Amino acid sequence: MSETKSQLNAEQVANVEKSLRMIADIVKQKGREILNEFPITPPQFVALQWLHEVGDMTIGELSNKMYLACSTTTDLVDRMEKNDLVIRVKDEKDRRVVRIHLQDKGATIIREVIGQRREYLSQVLERFSEDEVDRVESGLVHLLDEMKRDAETWKSF
């Protein structure tokens, strides 16, 4: 019985991983279609999302979040600054530190793109029962919480 259970679990894990990957790909593709309406590139959108979610960050912090070299992130920020999406500001506590701040134009783009993504997701979820939507939401929240807990554990090593 335990051998069947472990095989089932391995198969379920494989199915969950594949589903999550495919969902992420579809959301990313839908996001890119939406981005075609805006004057920014996908990497710029990712940077704007991080700034929107986390707040002001240094080039180094943003580079780490995006898994990019600092020089690549600097070029990205230069282009976003020219388009009035972000601005560099000196840290009030340490004037040597420069933080990237999201401008209103960048925040507006983020809100509009995320709004359109949510509208797409809403259209898909309309085909689900209320109970199914509740189960999807609670399952995803629980999975995310567990993954965050694991991430914190790994940071302490």
N, C-alpha and C. Protein backbone atom coordinates (compact mmCIF):
# COMPACT_ATOMS: atom_id res chain seq x y z
N MET A 1 0.82 -1.20 0.00
CA MET A 1 0.00 0.00 0.00
C MET A 1 0.86 1.26 0.00
N SER A 2 1.93 1.31 0.81
CA SER A 2 2.77 2.50 0.88
C SER A 2 3.52 2.73 -0.44
N GLU A 3 3.85 1.64 -1.16
CA GLU A 3 4.52 1.80 -2.45
C GLU A 3 3.59 2.47 -3.45
N THR A 4 2.32 2.06 -3.47
CA THR A 4 1.32 2.68 -4.34
C THR A 4 1.13 4.14 -3.95
N LYS A 5 1.08 4.40 -2.65
CA LYS A 5 0.89 5.77 -2.15
C LYS A 5 2.05 6.66 -2.59
N SER A 6 3.31 6.18 -2.49
CA SER A 6 4.45 7.00 -2.89
C SER A 6 4.47 7.22 -4.40
N GLN A 7 4.04 6.21 -5.18
CA GLN A 7 3.95 6.39 -6.62
C GLN A 7 2.88 7.42 -6.96
N LEU A 8 1.77 7.33 -6.28
CA LEU A 8 0.69 8.29 -6.49
C LEU A 8 1.17 9.70 -6.14
N ASN A 9 1.86 9.81 -5.01
CA ASN A 9 2.37 11.12 -4.61
C ASN A 9 3.36 11.67 -5.62
N ALA A 10 4.25 10.82 -6.12
CA ALA A 10 5.22 11.27 -7.12
C ALA A 10 4.51 11.72 -8.39
N GLU A 11 3.48 10.98 -8.77
CA GLU A 11 2.71 11.35 -9.96
C GLU A 11 1.94 12.66 -9.71
N GLN A 12 1.37 12.78 -8.53
CA GLN A 12 0.65 14.01 -8.19
C GLN A 12 1.60 15.21 -8.17
N VAL A 13 2.76 15.03 -7.59
CA VAL A 13 3.76 16.11 -7.54
C VAL A 13 4.13 16.51 -8.96
N ALA A 14 4.36 15.53 -9.81
CA ALA A 14 4.71 15.81 -11.21
C ALA A 14 3.57 16.56 -11.90
N ASN A 15 2.34 16.16 -11.64
CA ASN A 15 1.18 16.83 -12.25
C ASN A 15 1.02 18.26 -11.74
N VAL A 16 1.21 18.45 -10.43
CA VAL A 16 1.10 19.80 -9.85
C VAL A 16 2.19 20.70 -10.42
N GLU A 17 3.43 20.19 -10.46
CA GLU A 17 4.55 20.98 -10.99
C GLU A 17 4.28 21.37 -12.44
N LYS A 18 3.83 20.41 -13.24
CA LYS A 18 3.57 20.70 -14.65
C LYS A 18 2.43 21.70 -14.80
N SER A 19 1.38 21.53 -14.02
CA SER A 19 0.25 22.46 -14.10
C SER A 19 0.67 23.88 -13.71
N LEU A 20 1.43 23.99 -12.62
CA LEU A 20 1.90 25.32 -12.20
C LEU A 20 2.77 25.96 -13.27
N ARG A 21 3.67 25.17 -13.86
CA ARG A 21 4.55 25.69 -14.91
C ARG A 21 3.74 26.15 -16.11
N MET A 22 2.76 25.34 -16.52
CA MET A 22 1.96 25.70 -17.69
C MET A 22 1.07 26.92 -17.41
N ILE A 23 0.53 27.00 -16.20
CA ILE A 23 -0.28 28.17 -15.82
C ILE A 23 0.59 29.43 -15.86
N ALA A 24 1.80 29.33 -15.29
CA ALA A 24 2.72 30.48 -15.30
C ALA A 24 3.05 30.89 -16.73
N ASP A 25 3.26 29.91 -17.61
CA ASP A 25 3.56 30.22 -19.01
C ASP A 25 2.39 30.93 -19.69
N ILE A 26 1.17 30.46 -19.42
CA ILE A 26 -0.01 31.07 -20.03
C ILE A 26 -0.19 32.50 -19.52
N VAL A 27 -0.03 32.70 -18.21
CA VAL A 27 -0.16 34.04 -17.63
C VAL A 27 0.92 34.96 -18.20
N LYS A 28 2.15 34.43 -18.33
CA LYS A 28 3.24 35.23 -18.89
C LYS A 28 2.94 35.59 -20.35
N GLN A 29 2.46 34.64 -21.12
CA GLN A 29 2.13 34.90 -22.53
C GLN A 29 1.01 35.92 -22.63
N LYS A 30 -0.02 35.77 -21.81
CA LYS A 30 -1.13 36.72 -21.81
C LYS A 30 -0.62 38.11 -21.42
N GLY A 31 0.28 38.13 -20.44
CA GLY A 31 0.88 39.40 -20.02
C GLY A 31 1.65 40.06 -21.14
N ARG A 32 2.38 39.25 -21.92
CA ARG A 32 3.14 39.81 -23.04
C ARG A 32 2.22 40.37 -24.11
N GLU A 33 1.10 39.70 -24.34
CA GLU A 33 0.11 40.22 -25.30
C GLU A 33 -0.41 41.58 -24.82
N ILE A 34 -0.69 41.67 -23.54
CA ILE A 34 -1.17 42.93 -22.96
C ILE A 34 -0.09 44.00 -23.04
N LEU A 35 1.18 43.60 -22.78
CA LEU A 35 2.29 44.56 -22.81
C LEU A 35 2.49 45.19 -24.18
N ASN A 36 2.04 44.51 -25.24
CA ASN A 36 2.17 45.08 -26.58
C ASN A 36 1.45 46.43 -26.69
N GLU A 37 0.50 46.66 -25.80
CA GLU A 37 -0.25 47.92 -25.79
C GLU A 37 0.53 49.05 -25.10
N PHE A 38 1.64 48.70 -24.46
CA PHE A 38 2.39 49.67 -23.65
C PHE A 38 3.82 49.81 -24.17
N PRO A 39 4.44 50.97 -23.92
CA PRO A 39 5.80 51.22 -24.43
C PRO A 39 6.90 50.67 -23.53
N ILE A 40 6.76 49.41 -23.05
CA ILE A 40 7.80 48.82 -22.22
C ILE A 40 8.06 47.38 -22.66
N THR A 41 9.23 46.90 -22.28
CA THR A 41 9.62 45.52 -22.61
C THR A 41 9.24 44.60 -21.44
N PRO A 42 9.17 43.29 -21.67
CA PRO A 42 8.88 42.37 -20.56
C PRO A 42 9.84 42.50 -19.38
N PRO A 43 11.17 42.63 -19.59
CA PRO A 43 12.03 42.81 -18.42
C PRO A 43 11.75 44.11 -17.65
N GLN A 44 11.39 45.17 -18.38
CA GLN A 44 11.04 46.41 -17.70
C GLN A 44 9.77 46.22 -16.86
N PHE A 45 8.83 45.45 -17.40
CA PHE A 45 7.60 45.17 -16.65
C PHE A 45 7.92 44.41 -15.36
N VAL A 46 8.81 43.42 -15.45
CA VAL A 46 9.19 42.65 -14.26
C VAL A 46 9.82 43.58 -13.22
N ALA A 47 10.69 44.46 -13.66
CA ALA A 47 11.32 45.42 -12.75
C ALA A 47 10.27 46.32 -12.11
N LEU A 48 9.34 46.82 -12.91
CA LEU A 48 8.28 47.68 -12.38
C LEU A 48 7.42 46.92 -11.37
N GLN A 49 7.15 45.64 -11.66
CA GLN A 49 6.37 44.83 -10.72
C GLN A 49 7.07 44.72 -9.38
N TRP A 50 8.38 44.45 -9.39
CA TRP A 50 9.12 44.34 -8.14
C TRP A 50 9.07 45.65 -7.37
N LEU A 51 9.27 46.76 -8.05
CA LEU A 51 9.22 48.07 -7.39
C LEU A 51 7.84 48.35 -6.83
N HIS A 52 6.82 47.93 -7.56
CA HIS A 52 5.44 48.12 -7.12
C HIS A 52 5.14 47.28 -5.88
N GLU A 53 5.63 46.04 -5.86
CA GLU A 53 5.38 45.11 -4.77
C GLU A 53 6.21 45.42 -3.53
N VAL A 54 7.51 45.69 -3.73
CA VAL A 54 8.45 45.81 -2.62
C VAL A 54 8.66 47.26 -2.19
N GLY A 55 8.60 48.17 -3.15
CA GLY A 55 8.93 49.56 -2.88
C GLY A 55 10.32 49.88 -3.41
N ASP A 56 10.84 51.03 -3.03
CA ASP A 56 12.14 51.48 -3.53
C ASP A 56 13.23 50.44 -3.24
N MET A 57 14.10 50.24 -4.23
CA MET A 57 15.21 49.29 -4.09
C MET A 57 16.46 49.86 -4.73
N THR A 58 17.59 49.34 -4.29
CA THR A 58 18.85 49.69 -4.95
C THR A 58 18.97 48.85 -6.23
N ILE A 59 19.91 49.22 -7.08
CA ILE A 59 20.19 48.43 -8.29
C ILE A 59 20.55 47.00 -7.89
N GLY A 60 21.37 46.85 -6.86
CA GLY A 60 21.78 45.52 -6.41
C GLY A 60 20.60 44.67 -5.95
N GLU A 61 19.71 45.28 -5.17
CA GLU A 61 18.53 44.55 -4.70
C GLU A 61 17.63 44.13 -5.86
N LEU A 62 17.42 45.05 -6.79
CA LEU A 62 16.59 44.75 -7.96
C LEU A 62 17.25 43.68 -8.83
N SER A 63 18.56 43.76 -8.98
CA SER A 63 19.32 42.75 -9.74
C SER A 63 19.12 41.36 -9.14
N ASN A 64 19.19 41.27 -7.82
CA ASN A 64 18.99 39.99 -7.14
C ASN A 64 17.59 39.45 -7.36
N LYS A 65 16.60 40.31 -7.27
CA LYS A 65 15.21 39.88 -7.47
C LYS A 65 14.98 39.37 -8.88
N MET A 66 15.66 39.99 -9.85
CA MET A 66 15.43 39.65 -11.26
C MET A 66 16.45 38.64 -11.79
N TYR A 67 17.41 38.25 -10.94
CA TYR A 67 18.46 37.32 -11.36
C TYR A 67 19.23 37.84 -12.57
N LEU A 68 19.58 39.13 -12.51
CA LEU A 68 20.34 39.77 -13.58
C LEU A 68 21.62 40.35 -13.02
N ALA A 69 22.60 40.55 -13.88
CA ALA A 69 23.83 41.23 -13.49
C ALA A 69 23.50 42.70 -13.20
N CYS A 70 24.25 43.29 -12.30
CA CYS A 70 24.01 44.71 -11.95
C CYS A 70 24.13 45.60 -13.18
N SER A 71 25.07 45.31 -14.07
CA SER A 71 25.24 46.14 -15.27
C SER A 71 24.00 46.06 -16.17
N THR A 72 23.41 44.88 -16.27
CA THR A 72 22.20 44.71 -17.08
C THR A 72 21.04 45.48 -16.45
N THR A 73 20.93 45.39 -15.13
CA THR A 73 19.85 46.10 -14.42
C THR A 73 20.05 47.61 -14.53
N THR A 74 21.30 48.06 -14.47
CA THR A 74 21.59 49.50 -14.62
C THR A 74 21.10 49.99 -15.98
N ASP A 75 21.39 49.24 -17.05
CA ASP A 75 20.93 49.61 -18.39
C ASP A 75 19.40 49.64 -18.45
N LEU A 76 18.78 48.65 -17.83
CA LEU A 76 17.32 48.57 -17.79
C LEU A 76 16.73 49.79 -17.09
N VAL A 77 17.30 50.14 -15.95
CA VAL A 77 16.83 51.29 -15.18
C VAL A 77 17.07 52.59 -15.95
N ASP A 78 18.21 52.68 -16.64
CA ASP A 78 18.50 53.88 -17.46
C ASP A 78 17.37 54.10 -18.47
N ARG A 79 16.98 53.03 -19.17
CA ARG A 79 15.92 53.16 -20.19
C ARG A 79 14.57 53.50 -19.54
N MET A 80 14.29 52.90 -18.39
CA MET A 80 13.02 53.20 -17.71
C MET A 80 13.01 54.63 -17.20
N GLU A 81 14.16 55.11 -16.75
CA GLU A 81 14.24 56.49 -16.26
C GLU A 81 14.01 57.48 -17.40
N LYS A 82 14.57 57.18 -18.59
CA LYS A 82 14.37 58.05 -19.76
C LYS A 82 12.89 58.13 -20.16
N ASN A 83 12.15 57.04 -19.88
CA ASN A 83 10.72 57.01 -20.21
C ASN A 83 9.84 57.44 -19.05
N ASP A 84 10.44 58.04 -18.01
CA ASP A 84 9.72 58.55 -16.84
C ASP A 84 8.92 57.48 -16.09
N LEU A 85 9.42 56.24 -16.11
CA LEU A 85 8.76 55.16 -15.38
C LEU A 85 9.30 55.06 -13.96
N VAL A 86 10.59 55.38 -13.80
CA VAL A 86 11.24 55.34 -12.49
C VAL A 86 12.14 56.56 -12.36
N ILE A 87 12.60 56.79 -11.15
CA ILE A 87 13.56 57.86 -10.90
C ILE A 87 14.55 57.37 -9.84
N ARG A 88 15.79 57.80 -9.96
CA ARG A 88 16.79 57.47 -8.95
C ARG A 88 16.72 58.53 -7.85
N VAL A 89 16.68 58.07 -6.60
CA VAL A 89 16.65 59.00 -5.47
C VAL A 89 17.70 58.58 -4.44
N LYS A 90 18.33 59.58 -3.83
CA LYS A 90 19.32 59.30 -2.80
C LYS A 90 18.59 58.90 -1.52
N ASP A 91 19.13 57.89 -0.86
CA ASP A 91 18.57 57.41 0.40
C ASP A 91 18.69 58.54 1.44
N GLU A 92 17.63 58.76 2.21
CA GLU A 92 17.65 59.84 3.20
C GLU A 92 18.61 59.56 4.35
N LYS A 93 18.80 58.28 4.69
CA LYS A 93 19.66 57.92 5.81
C LYS A 93 21.12 57.83 5.41
N ASP A 94 21.38 57.45 4.16
CA ASP A 94 22.75 57.30 3.67
C ASP A 94 22.81 57.84 2.24
N ARG A 95 23.31 59.05 2.09
CA ARG A 95 23.30 59.74 0.79
C ARG A 95 24.13 59.02 -0.27
N ARG A 96 24.98 58.07 0.14
CA ARG A 96 25.76 57.30 -0.83
C ARG A 96 24.90 56.25 -1.54
N VAL A 97 23.78 55.90 -0.92
CA VAL A 97 22.90 54.86 -1.46
C VAL A 97 21.86 55.49 -2.38
N VAL A 98 21.73 54.93 -3.57
CA VAL A 98 20.73 55.42 -4.53
C VAL A 98 19.66 54.34 -4.69
N ARG A 99 18.42 54.76 -4.55
CA ARG A 99 17.30 53.82 -4.68
C ARG A 99 16.51 54.14 -5.94
N ILE A 100 15.91 53.12 -6.50
CA ILE A 100 15.06 53.27 -7.67
C ILE A 100 13.63 53.41 -7.17
N HIS A 101 12.98 54.49 -7.57
CA HIS A 101 11.62 54.80 -7.12
C HIS A 101 10.66 54.73 -8.32
N LEU A 102 9.55 54.07 -8.13
CA LEU A 102 8.53 53.94 -9.16
C LEU A 102 7.78 55.26 -9.32
N GLN A 103 7.77 55.79 -10.53
CA GLN A 103 7.03 57.02 -10.82
C GLN A 103 5.56 56.69 -11.10
N ASP A 104 4.72 57.71 -11.13
CA ASP A 104 3.28 57.51 -11.38
C ASP A 104 3.02 56.81 -12.71
N LYS A 105 3.77 57.17 -13.74
CA LYS A 105 3.57 56.56 -15.06
C LYS A 105 3.83 55.05 -15.01
N GLY A 106 4.89 54.65 -14.30
CA GLY A 106 5.20 53.22 -14.15
C GLY A 106 4.14 52.50 -13.34
N ALA A 107 3.68 53.13 -12.27
CA ALA A 107 2.64 52.53 -11.42
C ALA A 107 1.33 52.36 -12.19
N THR A 108 1.02 53.33 -13.04
CA THR A 108 -0.19 53.25 -13.86
C THR A 108 -0.12 52.07 -14.82
N ILE A 109 1.03 51.88 -15.45
CA ILE A 109 1.19 50.75 -16.37
C ILE A 109 1.01 49.44 -15.61
N ILE A 110 1.62 49.32 -14.45
CA ILE A 110 1.49 48.10 -13.65
C ILE A 110 0.03 47.84 -13.31
N ARG A 111 -0.66 48.86 -12.82
CA ARG A 111 -2.08 48.69 -12.45
C ARG A 111 -2.91 48.26 -13.66
N GLU A 112 -2.66 48.87 -14.81
CA GLU A 112 -3.45 48.54 -16.00
C GLU A 112 -3.18 47.12 -16.49
N VAL A 113 -1.91 46.73 -16.53
CA VAL A 113 -1.57 45.39 -17.01
C VAL A 113 -2.10 44.34 -16.04
N ILE A 114 -1.89 44.54 -14.75
CA ILE A 114 -2.38 43.57 -13.77
C ILE A 114 -3.90 43.52 -13.80
N GLY A 115 -4.53 44.67 -13.99
CA GLY A 115 -6.00 44.70 -14.11
C GLY A 115 -6.48 43.86 -15.28
N GLN A 116 -5.79 43.96 -16.42
CA GLN A 116 -6.18 43.16 -17.59
C GLN A 116 -5.89 41.68 -17.37
N ARG A 117 -4.81 41.36 -16.69
CA ARG A 117 -4.52 39.96 -16.35
C ARG A 117 -5.64 39.40 -15.46
N ARG A 118 -6.04 40.19 -14.47
CA ARG A 118 -7.10 39.75 -13.56
C ARG A 118 -8.42 39.58 -14.30
N GLU A 119 -8.67 40.45 -15.25
CA GLU A 119 -9.89 40.33 -16.06
C GLU A 119 -9.86 39.02 -16.85
N TYR A 120 -8.72 38.68 -17.42
CA TYR A 120 -8.57 37.41 -18.14
C TYR A 120 -8.83 36.24 -17.19
N LEU A 121 -8.21 36.26 -16.02
CA LEU A 121 -8.39 35.20 -15.04
C LEU A 121 -9.84 35.11 -14.59
N SER A 122 -10.47 36.25 -14.42
CA SER A 122 -11.88 36.28 -14.04
C SER A 122 -12.75 35.58 -15.08
N GLN A 123 -12.46 35.83 -16.35
CA GLN A 123 -13.22 35.18 -17.42
C GLN A 123 -13.04 33.66 -17.38
N VAL A 124 -11.84 33.20 -17.08
CA VAL A 124 -11.60 31.76 -16.98
C VAL A 124 -12.32 31.20 -15.75
N LEU A 125 -12.21 31.88 -14.62
CA LEU A 125 -12.81 31.39 -13.38
C LEU A 125 -14.33 31.43 -13.39
N GLU A 126 -14.93 32.22 -14.28
CA GLU A 126 -16.39 32.24 -14.39
C GLU A 126 -16.95 30.87 -14.75
N ARG A 127 -16.11 30.02 -15.36
CA ARG A 127 -16.55 28.68 -15.74
C ARG A 127 -16.45 27.69 -14.58
N PHE A 128 -15.97 28.15 -13.42
CA PHE A 128 -15.85 27.32 -12.22
C PHE A 128 -17.03 27.61 -11.30
N SER A 129 -17.36 26.62 -10.48
CA SER A 129 -18.36 26.86 -9.43
C SER A 129 -17.70 27.69 -8.33
N GLU A 130 -18.51 28.28 -7.48
CA GLU A 130 -17.98 29.08 -6.37
C GLU A 130 -17.11 28.21 -5.47
N ASP A 131 -17.54 26.96 -5.24
CA ASP A 131 -16.77 26.03 -4.40
C ASP A 131 -15.42 25.71 -5.05
N GLU A 132 -15.40 25.53 -6.36
CA GLU A 132 -14.13 25.24 -7.06
C GLU A 132 -13.17 26.43 -6.96
N VAL A 133 -13.69 27.63 -7.11
CA VAL A 133 -12.85 28.82 -6.99
C VAL A 133 -12.29 28.91 -5.57
N ASP A 134 -13.13 28.64 -4.58
CA ASP A 134 -12.66 28.65 -3.18
C ASP A 134 -11.55 27.64 -2.96
N ARG A 135 -11.70 26.43 -3.51
CA ARG A 135 -10.69 25.38 -3.34
C ARG A 135 -9.39 25.75 -4.04
N VAL A 136 -9.49 26.30 -5.26
CA VAL A 136 -8.28 26.73 -5.98
C VAL A 136 -7.56 27.81 -5.17
N GLU A 137 -8.31 28.80 -4.73
CA GLU A 137 -7.71 29.90 -3.97
C GLU A 137 -7.06 29.40 -2.69
N SER A 138 -7.78 28.61 -1.90
CA SER A 138 -7.21 28.16 -0.63
C SER A 138 -6.01 27.24 -0.85
N GLY A 139 -6.07 26.39 -1.87
CA GLY A 139 -4.94 25.51 -2.16
C GLY A 139 -3.71 26.29 -2.58
N LEU A 140 -3.89 27.30 -3.42
CA LEU A 140 -2.75 28.11 -3.87
C LEU A 140 -2.18 28.95 -2.73
N VAL A 141 -3.04 29.51 -1.90
CA VAL A 141 -2.57 30.29 -0.75
C VAL A 141 -1.77 29.39 0.19
N HIS A 142 -2.29 28.20 0.44
CA HIS A 142 -1.59 27.26 1.32
C HIS A 142 -0.23 26.85 0.73
N LEU A 143 -0.19 26.54 -0.56
CA LEU A 143 1.05 26.18 -1.24
C LEU A 143 2.06 27.33 -1.15
N LEU A 144 1.61 28.55 -1.43
CA LEU A 144 2.49 29.71 -1.36
C LEU A 144 3.03 29.92 0.06
N ASP A 145 2.16 29.79 1.05
CA ASP A 145 2.61 29.94 2.45
C ASP A 145 3.69 28.93 2.80
N GLU A 146 3.49 27.68 2.39
CA GLU A 146 4.48 26.64 2.67
C GLU A 146 5.79 26.91 1.94
N MET A 147 5.70 27.37 0.71
CA MET A 147 6.92 27.68 -0.05
C MET A 147 7.65 28.87 0.57
N LYS A 148 6.93 29.86 1.04
CA LYS A 148 7.56 31.00 1.71
C LYS A 148 8.25 30.54 2.99
N ARG A 149 7.60 29.64 3.72
CA ARG A 149 8.19 29.12 4.95
C ARG A 149 9.49 28.36 4.63
N ASP A 150 9.48 27.55 3.57
CA ASP A 150 10.68 26.85 3.14
C ASP A 150 11.77 27.83 2.73
N ALA A 151 11.39 28.88 2.01
CA ALA A 151 12.38 29.88 1.56
C ALA A 151 13.04 30.54 2.75
N GLU A 152 12.27 30.84 3.79
CA GLU A 152 12.84 31.44 5.00
C GLU A 152 13.79 30.48 5.69
N THR A 153 13.45 29.20 5.71
CA THR A 153 14.31 28.18 6.33
C THR A 153 15.64 28.12 5.59
N TRP A 154 15.60 28.15 4.26
CA TRP A 154 16.83 28.07 3.47
C TRP A 154 17.69 29.31 3.66
N LYS A 155 17.06 30.46 3.88
CA LYS A 155 17.83 31.70 4.07
C LYS A 155 18.65 31.65 5.37
N SER A 156 18.17 30.87 6.35
CA SER A 156 18.86 30.83 7.64
C SER A 156 20.10 29.95 7.62
N PHE A 157 20.33 29.20 6.54
CA PHE A 157 21.52 28.35 6.45
C PHE A 157 22.71 29.11 5.96
